[in-house]
Amino acid sequence: MEEMEYPASPYNEGGTLRTRASLLFRLRDWKDNDTWREFYDLYYNFVYRHARGSGLDHHEAEEVTQEVFQACAKNIKTFDPHPRPGSFRRWLGNLARWRVSDKLRERKKPSDTHNNRYPVEEDPRDLIDRIPAPSDSETIRLEEEWRQELYLTALKRIAQKVNPKHYQVFHLHHRDEWPLKRIAAELKISRASAYVINHRLKSQLQQELESLTAKLD
């Protein structure tokens, strides 16, 4: 199987994708619905999976995700972008971690939820000060999750645009690791066709990844 390549330009030398300062600047305008919709689409699963991976059920994770985006909207103007790549996703991951902690405390003390819950309206400076810095391993994990999410989003867009049979060829080769010879025999197409389809969709995937990362510029 050919190794999938990510676009090189949006990443630093360590392979870490940057969230561009211009995106963060646009997010400071709460009335910019298009930017917020794109931001939500790109980061929803990143936050939701973080919540689910922390032990929350679907309903709890949905609540946490909505609360994280509310907190982000209220506090984005106070976020100071760090030159180190991935600083925004670490910040967003910390918001998620704090909300998850609230939700777990609610499980233990349901009668005292109000006192233990961290309110969305709290002073943003207090919010940032109370969130601990993530460890290096946590930072690496968050970046890996983000890159995977970006890849899956690009795949989803490809699937919506191309012939279903063509996408099946690409999926079987890159996701299920079938050799093109087997795919051609199984789908009753020539090996040359399987090769051309795979090559074309690989190029389209690269373009989708570049398009997604360009939205962060």
N, C-alpha and C. Protein backbone atom coordinates (compact mmCIF):
# COMPACT_ATOMS: atom_id res chain seq x y z
N MET A 1 0.84 -1.20 0.00
CA MET A 1 0.00 0.00 0.00
C MET A 1 0.87 1.25 0.00
N GLU A 2 0.51 2.22 -0.84
CA GLU A 2 1.26 3.46 -0.87
C GLU A 2 1.00 4.25 0.41
N GLU A 3 2.04 4.83 0.94
CA GLU A 3 1.90 5.62 2.16
C GLU A 3 1.21 6.94 1.86
N MET A 4 0.21 7.29 2.66
CA MET A 4 -0.51 8.54 2.48
C MET A 4 0.37 9.70 2.90
N GLU A 5 0.45 10.71 2.05
CA GLU A 5 1.25 11.88 2.34
C GLU A 5 0.34 13.05 2.69
N TYR A 6 0.73 13.81 3.69
CA TYR A 6 0.03 15.02 4.05
C TYR A 6 0.69 16.20 3.35
N PRO A 7 -0.09 17.25 3.03
CA PRO A 7 0.53 18.45 2.47
C PRO A 7 1.58 18.98 3.41
N ALA A 8 2.74 19.33 2.87
CA ALA A 8 3.85 19.73 3.73
C ALA A 8 3.73 21.15 4.26
N SER A 9 3.21 22.04 3.45
CA SER A 9 3.30 23.46 3.79
C SER A 9 2.63 23.89 5.09
N PRO A 10 1.46 23.34 5.50
CA PRO A 10 0.84 23.84 6.72
C PRO A 10 1.49 23.35 8.00
N TYR A 11 2.49 22.48 7.92
CA TYR A 11 3.06 21.89 9.12
C TYR A 11 4.46 22.43 9.40
N ASN A 12 4.83 22.39 10.66
CA ASN A 12 6.20 22.73 11.00
C ASN A 12 7.07 21.51 10.78
N GLU A 13 8.34 21.60 11.12
CA GLU A 13 9.26 20.50 10.84
C GLU A 13 8.89 19.24 11.60
N GLY A 14 8.21 19.38 12.71
CA GLY A 14 7.82 18.21 13.47
C GLY A 14 6.49 17.64 13.06
N GLY A 15 5.88 18.18 11.99
CA GLY A 15 4.61 17.65 11.52
C GLY A 15 3.42 18.19 12.27
N THR A 16 3.55 19.31 12.95
CA THR A 16 2.45 19.86 13.74
C THR A 16 1.72 20.93 12.95
N LEU A 17 0.42 20.75 12.83
CA LEU A 17 -0.37 21.71 12.07
C LEU A 17 -0.65 22.95 12.90
N ARG A 18 -0.48 24.11 12.29
CA ARG A 18 -0.72 25.37 12.97
C ARG A 18 -2.15 25.84 12.73
N THR A 19 -2.77 26.37 13.75
CA THR A 19 -4.02 27.09 13.57
C THR A 19 -3.65 28.54 13.38
N ARG A 20 -3.86 29.08 12.18
CA ARG A 20 -3.34 30.39 11.84
C ARG A 20 -3.98 31.49 12.67
N ALA A 21 -3.19 32.50 12.95
CA ALA A 21 -3.67 33.62 13.76
C ALA A 21 -4.82 34.33 13.08
N SER A 22 -4.85 34.32 11.73
CA SER A 22 -5.93 35.01 11.03
C SER A 22 -7.28 34.36 11.30
N LEU A 23 -7.31 33.02 11.44
CA LEU A 23 -8.55 32.35 11.79
C LEU A 23 -9.00 32.78 13.17
N LEU A 24 -8.06 32.80 14.11
CA LEU A 24 -8.39 33.20 15.48
C LEU A 24 -8.89 34.64 15.51
N PHE A 25 -8.31 35.47 14.66
CA PHE A 25 -8.75 36.86 14.60
C PHE A 25 -10.18 36.94 14.08
N ARG A 26 -10.49 36.16 13.04
CA ARG A 26 -11.85 36.18 12.49
C ARG A 26 -12.86 35.64 13.48
N LEU A 27 -12.45 34.69 14.30
CA LEU A 27 -13.37 34.12 15.28
C LEU A 27 -13.75 35.13 16.36
N ARG A 28 -12.99 36.19 16.49
CA ARG A 28 -13.31 37.20 17.50
C ARG A 28 -14.56 37.99 17.12
N ASP A 29 -14.96 37.87 15.87
CA ASP A 29 -16.20 38.50 15.43
C ASP A 29 -17.33 37.48 15.56
N TRP A 30 -18.13 37.59 16.61
CA TRP A 30 -19.19 36.63 16.86
C TRP A 30 -20.24 36.61 15.75
N LYS A 31 -20.31 37.69 14.96
CA LYS A 31 -21.31 37.78 13.90
C LYS A 31 -20.84 37.15 12.60
N ASP A 32 -19.60 36.71 12.57
CA ASP A 32 -19.07 36.06 11.36
C ASP A 32 -19.52 34.60 11.36
N ASN A 33 -20.76 34.38 10.96
CA ASN A 33 -21.35 33.05 11.04
C ASN A 33 -20.64 32.03 10.17
N ASP A 34 -20.17 32.45 9.00
CA ASP A 34 -19.49 31.51 8.11
C ASP A 34 -18.21 30.97 8.73
N THR A 35 -17.43 31.87 9.34
CA THR A 35 -16.19 31.44 9.98
C THR A 35 -16.48 30.52 11.15
N TRP A 36 -17.47 30.85 11.96
CA TRP A 36 -17.81 30.02 13.11
C TRP A 36 -18.36 28.66 12.67
N ARG A 37 -19.10 28.64 11.57
CA ARG A 37 -19.62 27.37 11.07
C ARG A 37 -18.48 26.47 10.61
N GLU A 38 -17.53 27.05 9.89
CA GLU A 38 -16.37 26.27 9.46
C GLU A 38 -15.56 25.79 10.65
N PHE A 39 -15.37 26.66 11.61
CA PHE A 39 -14.63 26.30 12.82
C PHE A 39 -15.32 25.15 13.55
N TYR A 40 -16.64 25.25 13.67
CA TYR A 40 -17.42 24.20 14.35
C TYR A 40 -17.29 22.88 13.60
N ASP A 41 -17.42 22.92 12.28
CA ASP A 41 -17.33 21.69 11.49
C ASP A 41 -15.95 21.04 11.63
N LEU A 42 -14.91 21.85 11.70
CA LEU A 42 -13.55 21.32 11.76
C LEU A 42 -13.19 20.78 13.14
N TYR A 43 -13.73 21.40 14.17
CA TYR A 43 -13.30 21.07 15.53
C TYR A 43 -14.32 20.30 16.36
N TYR A 44 -15.53 20.12 15.84
CA TYR A 44 -16.55 19.44 16.64
C TYR A 44 -16.09 18.05 17.07
N ASN A 45 -15.68 17.22 16.12
CA ASN A 45 -15.28 15.86 16.46
C ASN A 45 -14.03 15.83 17.33
N PHE A 46 -13.15 16.80 17.15
CA PHE A 46 -11.95 16.90 17.99
C PHE A 46 -12.35 17.01 19.46
N VAL A 47 -13.33 17.88 19.75
CA VAL A 47 -13.77 18.08 21.13
C VAL A 47 -14.62 16.90 21.59
N TYR A 48 -15.54 16.45 20.74
CA TYR A 48 -16.45 15.36 21.12
C TYR A 48 -15.66 14.09 21.44
N ARG A 49 -14.71 13.75 20.61
CA ARG A 49 -13.93 12.53 20.85
C ARG A 49 -13.08 12.66 22.11
N HIS A 50 -12.60 13.85 22.37
CA HIS A 50 -11.86 14.07 23.61
C HIS A 50 -12.76 13.76 24.80
N ALA A 51 -14.01 14.22 24.74
CA ALA A 51 -14.95 13.99 25.84
C ALA A 51 -15.30 12.51 25.96
N ARG A 52 -15.55 11.86 24.84
CA ARG A 52 -15.89 10.43 24.87
C ARG A 52 -14.70 9.61 25.37
N GLY A 53 -13.51 9.99 24.94
CA GLY A 53 -12.32 9.27 25.36
C GLY A 53 -12.00 9.44 26.84
N SER A 54 -12.64 10.44 27.46
CA SER A 54 -12.44 10.68 28.89
C SER A 54 -13.45 9.93 29.75
N GLY A 55 -14.33 9.15 29.11
CA GLY A 55 -15.26 8.32 29.86
C GLY A 55 -16.70 8.80 29.89
N LEU A 56 -17.01 9.86 29.15
CA LEU A 56 -18.39 10.35 29.13
C LEU A 56 -19.22 9.57 28.12
N ASP A 57 -20.54 9.47 28.40
CA ASP A 57 -21.41 8.84 27.42
C ASP A 57 -21.76 9.86 26.33
N HIS A 58 -22.53 9.41 25.35
CA HIS A 58 -22.82 10.27 24.19
C HIS A 58 -23.50 11.56 24.61
N HIS A 59 -24.52 11.47 25.45
CA HIS A 59 -25.27 12.66 25.86
C HIS A 59 -24.37 13.63 26.62
N GLU A 60 -23.57 13.11 27.54
CA GLU A 60 -22.67 13.97 28.30
C GLU A 60 -21.63 14.62 27.40
N ALA A 61 -21.10 13.84 26.45
CA ALA A 61 -20.09 14.37 25.54
C ALA A 61 -20.68 15.46 24.65
N GLU A 62 -21.93 15.28 24.23
CA GLU A 62 -22.61 16.32 23.44
C GLU A 62 -22.72 17.60 24.24
N GLU A 63 -23.13 17.48 25.50
CA GLU A 63 -23.26 18.66 26.36
C GLU A 63 -21.91 19.36 26.55
N VAL A 64 -20.89 18.57 26.82
CA VAL A 64 -19.56 19.13 27.01
C VAL A 64 -19.09 19.85 25.75
N THR A 65 -19.33 19.24 24.60
CA THR A 65 -18.91 19.85 23.34
C THR A 65 -19.57 21.21 23.14
N GLN A 66 -20.88 21.28 23.38
CA GLN A 66 -21.57 22.56 23.23
C GLN A 66 -21.04 23.59 24.22
N GLU A 67 -20.77 23.16 25.44
CA GLU A 67 -20.26 24.08 26.46
C GLU A 67 -18.86 24.58 26.11
N VAL A 68 -18.05 23.70 25.52
CA VAL A 68 -16.70 24.11 25.12
C VAL A 68 -16.77 25.19 24.05
N PHE A 69 -17.66 25.02 23.08
CA PHE A 69 -17.77 26.04 22.03
C PHE A 69 -18.34 27.34 22.58
N GLN A 70 -19.24 27.25 23.55
CA GLN A 70 -19.74 28.46 24.20
C GLN A 70 -18.59 29.17 24.93
N ALA A 71 -17.81 28.40 25.67
CA ALA A 71 -16.68 28.98 26.40
C ALA A 71 -15.65 29.57 25.44
N CYS A 72 -15.44 28.88 24.33
CA CYS A 72 -14.49 29.37 23.33
C CYS A 72 -14.96 30.71 22.77
N ALA A 73 -16.26 30.80 22.47
CA ALA A 73 -16.81 32.05 21.93
C ALA A 73 -16.64 33.20 22.91
N LYS A 74 -16.81 32.91 24.19
CA LYS A 74 -16.72 33.96 25.21
C LYS A 74 -15.28 34.35 25.52
N ASN A 75 -14.35 33.42 25.28
CA ASN A 75 -12.97 33.66 25.71
C ASN A 75 -11.96 33.82 24.59
N ILE A 76 -12.41 33.69 23.34
CA ILE A 76 -11.47 33.73 22.23
C ILE A 76 -10.71 35.05 22.15
N LYS A 77 -11.35 36.14 22.58
CA LYS A 77 -10.68 37.44 22.51
C LYS A 77 -9.52 37.54 23.50
N THR A 78 -9.52 36.69 24.51
CA THR A 78 -8.45 36.73 25.50
C THR A 78 -7.31 35.77 25.16
N PHE A 79 -7.54 34.92 24.16
CA PHE A 79 -6.52 33.94 23.81
C PHE A 79 -5.36 34.63 23.10
N ASP A 80 -4.16 34.40 23.61
CA ASP A 80 -2.96 35.00 23.04
C ASP A 80 -2.20 33.92 22.28
N PRO A 81 -2.25 33.92 20.95
CA PRO A 81 -1.60 32.86 20.18
C PRO A 81 -0.11 32.76 20.51
N HIS A 82 0.31 31.55 20.77
CA HIS A 82 1.72 31.28 21.07
C HIS A 82 2.41 30.88 19.77
N PRO A 83 3.64 31.32 19.56
CA PRO A 83 4.33 30.94 18.32
C PRO A 83 4.52 29.44 18.17
N ARG A 84 4.45 28.71 19.27
CA ARG A 84 4.61 27.26 19.20
C ARG A 84 3.39 26.65 18.52
N PRO A 85 3.58 25.83 17.47
CA PRO A 85 2.45 25.24 16.77
C PRO A 85 1.57 24.41 17.70
N GLY A 86 0.27 24.42 17.44
CA GLY A 86 -0.65 23.61 18.22
C GLY A 86 -1.13 24.26 19.50
N SER A 87 -0.73 25.51 19.76
CA SER A 87 -1.09 26.14 21.03
C SER A 87 -2.60 26.32 21.16
N PHE A 88 -3.27 26.63 20.04
CA PHE A 88 -4.72 26.81 20.12
C PHE A 88 -5.42 25.51 20.43
N ARG A 89 -5.02 24.41 19.82
CA ARG A 89 -5.67 23.13 20.10
C ARG A 89 -5.38 22.66 21.51
N ARG A 90 -4.21 23.00 22.03
CA ARG A 90 -3.94 22.68 23.44
C ARG A 90 -4.90 23.48 24.32
N TRP A 91 -5.10 24.74 23.97
CA TRP A 91 -6.03 25.59 24.74
C TRP A 91 -7.44 25.03 24.66
N LEU A 92 -7.87 24.66 23.45
CA LEU A 92 -9.20 24.10 23.27
C LEU A 92 -9.33 22.76 23.99
N GLY A 93 -8.27 21.95 23.93
CA GLY A 93 -8.29 20.68 24.65
C GLY A 93 -8.37 20.87 26.15
N ASN A 94 -7.75 21.93 26.65
CA ASN A 94 -7.83 22.22 28.07
C ASN A 94 -9.24 22.65 28.46
N LEU A 95 -9.90 23.43 27.61
CA LEU A 95 -11.30 23.78 27.87
C LEU A 95 -12.14 22.51 27.96
N ALA A 96 -11.90 21.59 27.04
CA ALA A 96 -12.65 20.33 27.04
C ALA A 96 -12.36 19.53 28.30
N ARG A 97 -11.09 19.48 28.70
CA ARG A 97 -10.73 18.71 29.88
C ARG A 97 -11.40 19.28 31.13
N TRP A 98 -11.47 20.61 31.21
CA TRP A 98 -12.10 21.21 32.39
C TRP A 98 -13.59 20.91 32.41
N ARG A 99 -14.26 20.95 31.26
CA ARG A 99 -15.70 20.64 31.19
C ARG A 99 -15.95 19.17 31.51
N VAL A 100 -15.07 18.31 31.04
CA VAL A 100 -15.20 16.89 31.37
C VAL A 100 -15.09 16.69 32.87
N SER A 101 -14.15 17.38 33.50
CA SER A 101 -13.98 17.30 34.94
C SER A 101 -15.25 17.73 35.66
N ASP A 102 -15.87 18.82 35.17
CA ASP A 102 -17.14 19.26 35.75
C ASP A 102 -18.19 18.17 35.65
N LYS A 103 -18.27 17.54 34.48
CA LYS A 103 -19.30 16.53 34.25
C LYS A 103 -19.08 15.33 35.15
N LEU A 104 -17.84 14.93 35.35
CA LEU A 104 -17.56 13.80 36.23
C LEU A 104 -17.88 14.14 37.68
N ARG A 105 -17.66 15.39 38.08
CA ARG A 105 -18.02 15.80 39.44
C ARG A 105 -19.54 15.81 39.61
N GLU A 106 -20.26 16.14 38.56
CA GLU A 106 -21.72 16.11 38.62
C GLU A 106 -22.22 14.70 38.90
N ARG A 107 -21.54 13.71 38.34
CA ARG A 107 -21.94 12.33 38.58
C ARG A 107 -21.83 11.98 40.06
N LYS A 108 -20.76 12.48 40.68
CA LYS A 108 -20.50 12.14 42.08
C LYS A 108 -21.40 12.90 43.03
N LYS A 109 -21.71 14.16 42.69
CA LYS A 109 -22.49 15.00 43.59
C LYS A 109 -23.64 15.66 42.83
N PRO A 110 -24.63 14.85 42.42
CA PRO A 110 -25.73 15.42 41.63
C PRO A 110 -26.52 16.49 42.36
N SER A 111 -26.57 16.43 43.68
CA SER A 111 -27.36 17.41 44.43
C SER A 111 -26.62 18.72 44.59
N ASP A 112 -25.31 18.70 44.28
CA ASP A 112 -24.51 19.92 44.48
C ASP A 112 -23.91 20.38 43.15
N THR A 113 -24.65 20.09 42.06
CA THR A 113 -24.15 20.39 40.73
C THR A 113 -23.83 21.86 40.55
N HIS A 114 -24.71 22.73 41.05
CA HIS A 114 -24.55 24.16 40.79
C HIS A 114 -23.24 24.69 41.38
N ASN A 115 -22.91 24.22 42.57
CA ASN A 115 -21.71 24.73 43.23
C ASN A 115 -20.43 24.18 42.61
N ASN A 116 -20.51 22.98 42.00
CA ASN A 116 -19.31 22.37 41.46
C ASN A 116 -19.10 22.69 39.99
N ARG A 117 -20.12 23.18 39.36
CA ARG A 117 -20.04 23.43 37.92
C ARG A 117 -19.29 24.73 37.65
N TYR A 118 -18.44 24.68 36.64
CA TYR A 118 -17.69 25.88 36.26
C TYR A 118 -18.53 26.68 35.29
N PRO A 119 -19.05 27.83 35.62
CA PRO A 119 -19.99 28.54 34.79
C PRO A 119 -19.37 29.12 33.53
N VAL A 120 -20.15 29.09 32.44
CA VAL A 120 -19.68 29.65 31.19
C VAL A 120 -19.41 31.13 31.33
N GLU A 121 -20.18 31.81 32.20
CA GLU A 121 -20.07 33.26 32.32
C GLU A 121 -18.89 33.73 33.17
N GLU A 122 -18.13 32.80 33.75
CA GLU A 122 -17.04 33.22 34.64
C GLU A 122 -16.01 34.04 33.88
N ASP A 123 -15.33 34.91 34.62
CA ASP A 123 -14.32 35.79 34.03
C ASP A 123 -13.34 34.96 33.21
N PRO A 124 -13.14 35.27 31.92
CA PRO A 124 -12.25 34.49 31.07
C PRO A 124 -10.82 34.40 31.60
N ARG A 125 -10.36 35.43 32.30
CA ARG A 125 -9.01 35.36 32.85
C ARG A 125 -8.91 34.28 33.91
N ASP A 126 -9.99 34.12 34.71
CA ASP A 126 -10.01 33.05 35.69
C ASP A 126 -10.02 31.69 35.00
N LEU A 127 -10.78 31.59 33.92
CA LEU A 127 -10.86 30.34 33.18
C LEU A 127 -9.49 29.89 32.71
N ILE A 128 -8.75 30.80 32.09
CA ILE A 128 -7.44 30.45 31.56
C ILE A 128 -6.46 30.13 32.67
N ASP A 129 -6.49 30.91 33.76
CA ASP A 129 -5.55 30.71 34.86
C ASP A 129 -5.74 29.36 35.54
N ARG A 130 -6.99 28.86 35.57
CA ARG A 130 -7.27 27.64 36.32
C ARG A 130 -7.04 26.38 35.51
N ILE A 131 -6.78 26.51 34.23
CA ILE A 131 -6.57 25.33 33.39
C ILE A 131 -5.09 24.97 33.36
N PRO A 132 -4.72 23.76 33.78
CA PRO A 132 -3.31 23.38 33.81
C PRO A 132 -2.75 23.17 32.41
N ALA A 133 -1.46 23.41 32.26
CA ALA A 133 -0.81 23.18 30.98
C ALA A 133 -0.73 21.68 30.71
N PRO A 134 -0.96 21.26 29.47
CA PRO A 134 -0.90 19.84 29.16
C PRO A 134 0.53 19.33 29.14
N SER A 135 0.68 18.04 29.37
CA SER A 135 2.00 17.42 29.29
C SER A 135 2.41 17.28 27.83
N ASP A 136 3.69 16.97 27.61
CA ASP A 136 4.16 16.78 26.24
C ASP A 136 3.43 15.62 25.56
N SER A 137 3.21 14.54 26.31
CA SER A 137 2.51 13.39 25.73
C SER A 137 1.08 13.74 25.37
N GLU A 138 0.44 14.58 26.19
CA GLU A 138 -0.92 15.02 25.90
C GLU A 138 -0.94 15.89 24.65
N THR A 139 0.05 16.75 24.51
CA THR A 139 0.14 17.60 23.33
C THR A 139 0.29 16.76 22.07
N ILE A 140 1.13 15.75 22.13
CA ILE A 140 1.33 14.86 20.98
C ILE A 140 0.04 14.13 20.64
N ARG A 141 -0.66 13.66 21.67
CA ARG A 141 -1.92 12.94 21.44
C ARG A 141 -2.95 13.85 20.77
N LEU A 142 -3.07 15.08 21.25
CA LEU A 142 -4.03 16.02 20.68
C LEU A 142 -3.71 16.31 19.22
N GLU A 143 -2.42 16.46 18.92
CA GLU A 143 -2.03 16.73 17.54
C GLU A 143 -2.33 15.53 16.64
N GLU A 144 -2.09 14.33 17.15
CA GLU A 144 -2.39 13.13 16.36
C GLU A 144 -3.88 13.03 16.09
N GLU A 145 -4.70 13.33 17.10
CA GLU A 145 -6.15 13.30 16.93
C GLU A 145 -6.59 14.34 15.91
N TRP A 146 -5.98 15.51 15.97
CA TRP A 146 -6.35 16.57 15.04
C TRP A 146 -6.01 16.20 13.60
N ARG A 147 -4.83 15.67 13.38
CA ARG A 147 -4.42 15.27 12.03
C ARG A 147 -5.33 14.17 11.51
N GLN A 148 -5.71 13.23 12.38
CA GLN A 148 -6.62 12.16 11.97
C GLN A 148 -7.98 12.73 11.63
N GLU A 149 -8.45 13.68 12.41
CA GLU A 149 -9.74 14.30 12.16
C GLU A 149 -9.73 15.04 10.82
N LEU A 150 -8.65 15.73 10.56
CA LEU A 150 -8.52 16.45 9.29
C LEU A 150 -8.54 15.47 8.12
N TYR A 151 -7.85 14.36 8.28
CA TYR A 151 -7.80 13.33 7.25
C TYR A 151 -9.18 12.74 7.00
N LEU A 152 -9.91 12.42 8.08
CA LEU A 152 -11.25 11.84 7.94
C LEU A 152 -12.22 12.83 7.31
N THR A 153 -12.09 14.10 7.66
CA THR A 153 -12.94 15.12 7.06
C THR A 153 -12.69 15.21 5.56
N ALA A 154 -11.43 15.16 5.17
CA ALA A 154 -11.10 15.20 3.74
C ALA A 154 -11.65 13.98 3.02
N LEU A 155 -11.54 12.80 3.65
CA LEU A 155 -12.10 11.59 3.06
C LEU A 155 -13.61 11.71 2.87
N LYS A 156 -14.28 12.25 3.86
CA LYS A 156 -15.73 12.41 3.79
C LYS A 156 -16.12 13.31 2.62
N ARG A 157 -15.36 14.37 2.43
CA ARG A 157 -15.65 15.28 1.32
C ARG A 157 -15.42 14.60 -0.03
N ILE A 158 -14.37 13.80 -0.10
CA ILE A 158 -14.11 13.06 -1.33
C ILE A 158 -15.27 12.11 -1.63
N ALA A 159 -15.73 11.40 -0.62
CA ALA A 159 -16.81 10.42 -0.81
C ALA A 159 -18.08 11.07 -1.32
N GLN A 160 -18.31 12.32 -0.95
CA GLN A 160 -19.51 13.03 -1.37
C GLN A 160 -19.42 13.55 -2.80
N LYS A 161 -18.21 13.58 -3.35
CA LYS A 161 -18.01 14.21 -4.66
C LYS A 161 -17.79 13.23 -5.81
N VAL A 162 -17.30 12.04 -5.50
CA VAL A 162 -16.88 11.15 -6.58
C VAL A 162 -17.85 9.99 -6.77
N ASN A 163 -17.65 9.28 -7.86
CA ASN A 163 -18.42 8.07 -8.14
C ASN A 163 -18.24 7.08 -6.99
N PRO A 164 -19.34 6.53 -6.45
CA PRO A 164 -19.23 5.61 -5.31
C PRO A 164 -18.29 4.43 -5.56
N LYS A 165 -18.30 3.91 -6.78
CA LYS A 165 -17.42 2.78 -7.08
C LYS A 165 -15.96 3.21 -7.07
N HIS A 166 -15.71 4.42 -7.55
CA HIS A 166 -14.34 4.95 -7.52
C HIS A 166 -13.86 5.13 -6.08
N TYR A 167 -14.75 5.62 -5.24
CA TYR A 167 -14.36 5.80 -3.84
C TYR A 167 -14.12 4.44 -3.18
N GLN A 168 -14.90 3.44 -3.59
CA GLN A 168 -14.71 2.10 -3.05
C GLN A 168 -13.31 1.58 -3.37
N VAL A 169 -12.86 1.84 -4.58
CA VAL A 169 -11.49 1.45 -4.97
C VAL A 169 -10.48 2.11 -4.04
N PHE A 170 -10.64 3.40 -3.86
CA PHE A 170 -9.70 4.15 -3.02
C PHE A 170 -9.75 3.69 -1.57
N HIS A 171 -10.96 3.48 -1.07
CA HIS A 171 -11.14 3.06 0.33
C HIS A 171 -10.52 1.69 0.57
N LEU A 172 -10.79 0.76 -0.33
CA LEU A 172 -10.25 -0.59 -0.16
C LEU A 172 -8.72 -0.58 -0.18
N HIS A 173 -8.14 0.28 -0.99
CA HIS A 173 -6.68 0.31 -1.10
C HIS A 173 -6.03 1.01 0.09
N HIS A 174 -6.55 2.18 0.47
CA HIS A 174 -5.88 2.99 1.48
C HIS A 174 -6.37 2.71 2.90
N ARG A 175 -7.60 2.32 3.05
CA ARG A 175 -8.12 2.09 4.40
C ARG A 175 -8.08 0.61 4.77
N ASP A 176 -8.43 -0.26 3.81
CA ASP A 176 -8.44 -1.70 4.09
C ASP A 176 -7.17 -2.40 3.63
N GLU A 177 -6.28 -1.65 2.96
CA GLU A 177 -4.96 -2.15 2.55
C GLU A 177 -5.03 -3.31 1.57
N TRP A 178 -6.04 -3.29 0.72
CA TRP A 178 -6.10 -4.29 -0.35
C TRP A 178 -5.14 -3.89 -1.47
N PRO A 179 -4.45 -4.85 -2.08
CA PRO A 179 -3.64 -4.52 -3.27
C PRO A 179 -4.56 -4.22 -4.45
N LEU A 180 -4.08 -3.41 -5.37
CA LEU A 180 -4.91 -3.01 -6.51
C LEU A 180 -5.32 -4.21 -7.36
N LYS A 181 -4.45 -5.22 -7.43
CA LYS A 181 -4.78 -6.42 -8.20
C LYS A 181 -6.03 -7.09 -7.64
N ARG A 182 -6.11 -7.21 -6.33
CA ARG A 182 -7.28 -7.84 -5.70
C ARG A 182 -8.53 -6.98 -5.89
N ILE A 183 -8.36 -5.66 -5.77
CA ILE A 183 -9.50 -4.76 -5.94
C ILE A 183 -10.06 -4.87 -7.35
N ALA A 184 -9.17 -4.90 -8.34
CA ALA A 184 -9.60 -5.00 -9.73
C ALA A 184 -10.39 -6.29 -9.96
N ALA A 185 -9.91 -7.39 -9.41
CA ALA A 185 -10.60 -8.67 -9.58
C ALA A 185 -11.95 -8.66 -8.86
N GLU A 186 -11.98 -8.11 -7.66
CA GLU A 186 -13.21 -8.10 -6.86
C GLU A 186 -14.29 -7.22 -7.49
N LEU A 187 -13.89 -6.06 -8.01
CA LEU A 187 -14.86 -5.11 -8.56
C LEU A 187 -15.02 -5.26 -10.07
N LYS A 188 -14.31 -6.25 -10.64
CA LYS A 188 -14.43 -6.53 -12.06
C LYS A 188 -14.07 -5.32 -12.93
N ILE A 189 -12.94 -4.74 -12.63
CA ILE A 189 -12.39 -3.65 -13.44
C ILE A 189 -10.94 -4.00 -13.77
N SER A 190 -10.38 -3.32 -14.74
CA SER A 190 -8.99 -3.61 -15.10
C SER A 190 -8.04 -3.04 -14.04
N ARG A 191 -6.86 -3.63 -13.96
CA ARG A 191 -5.86 -3.13 -13.02
C ARG A 191 -5.46 -1.71 -13.38
N ALA A 192 -5.43 -1.42 -14.68
CA ALA A 192 -5.08 -0.07 -15.11
C ALA A 192 -6.12 0.94 -14.61
N SER A 193 -7.40 0.56 -14.69
CA SER A 193 -8.46 1.45 -14.20
C SER A 193 -8.33 1.66 -12.70
N ALA A 194 -8.06 0.57 -11.98
CA ALA A 194 -7.91 0.68 -10.52
C ALA A 194 -6.75 1.61 -10.18
N TYR A 195 -5.66 1.51 -10.94
CA TYR A 195 -4.50 2.37 -10.69
C TYR A 195 -4.84 3.83 -10.96
N VAL A 196 -5.50 4.09 -12.09
CA VAL A 196 -5.84 5.47 -12.45
C VAL A 196 -6.80 6.08 -11.43
N ILE A 197 -7.81 5.31 -11.05
CA ILE A 197 -8.78 5.80 -10.06
C ILE A 197 -8.09 6.12 -8.74
N ASN A 198 -7.24 5.19 -8.30
CA ASN A 198 -6.54 5.40 -7.03
C ASN A 198 -5.65 6.63 -7.09
N HIS A 199 -4.92 6.78 -8.20
CA HIS A 199 -4.01 7.93 -8.35
C HIS A 199 -4.80 9.24 -8.37
N ARG A 200 -5.93 9.26 -9.09
CA ARG A 200 -6.73 10.47 -9.19
C ARG A 200 -7.31 10.86 -7.83
N LEU A 201 -7.83 9.88 -7.10
CA LEU A 201 -8.44 10.20 -5.81
C LEU A 201 -7.40 10.55 -4.76
N LYS A 202 -6.21 9.98 -4.88
CA LYS A 202 -5.15 10.38 -3.97
C LYS A 202 -4.81 11.85 -4.17
N SER A 203 -4.77 12.29 -5.43
CA SER A 203 -4.52 13.70 -5.72
C SER A 203 -5.65 14.57 -5.19
N GLN A 204 -6.88 14.09 -5.33
CA GLN A 204 -8.02 14.85 -4.82
C GLN A 204 -7.99 14.95 -3.30
N LEU A 205 -7.55 13.87 -2.66
CA LEU A 205 -7.44 13.91 -1.20
C LEU A 205 -6.41 14.94 -0.77
N GLN A 206 -5.29 14.99 -1.47
CA GLN A 206 -4.28 15.99 -1.17
C GLN A 206 -4.85 17.40 -1.32
N GLN A 207 -5.63 17.59 -2.37
CA GLN A 207 -6.24 18.90 -2.60
C GLN A 207 -7.22 19.26 -1.49
N GLU A 208 -7.99 18.26 -1.04
CA GLU A 208 -8.94 18.52 0.05
C GLU A 208 -8.21 18.87 1.34
N LEU A 209 -7.13 18.17 1.62
CA LEU A 209 -6.34 18.48 2.81
C LEU A 209 -5.76 19.88 2.73
N GLU A 210 -5.28 20.23 1.55
CA GLU A 210 -4.74 21.58 1.37
C GLU A 210 -5.83 22.63 1.51
N SER A 211 -7.03 22.31 1.00
CA SER A 211 -8.15 23.24 1.11
C SER A 211 -8.54 23.44 2.57
N LEU A 212 -8.59 22.34 3.32
CA LEU A 212 -8.95 22.43 4.74
C LEU A 212 -7.92 23.24 5.51
N THR A 213 -6.64 22.99 5.26
CA THR A 213 -5.62 23.73 5.98
C THR A 213 -5.58 25.18 5.55
N ALA A 214 -5.94 25.44 4.28
CA ALA A 214 -5.98 26.83 3.81
C ALA A 214 -7.05 27.62 4.55
N LYS A 215 -8.11 26.94 4.99
CA LYS A 215 -9.16 27.62 5.75
C LYS A 215 -8.66 28.10 7.10
N LEU A 216 -7.51 27.58 7.51
CA LEU A 216 -6.92 28.01 8.77
C LEU A 216 -5.93 29.15 8.55
N ASP A 217 -5.78 29.61 7.31
CA ASP A 217 -4.88 30.72 7.01
C ASP A 217 -5.58 32.05 7.17
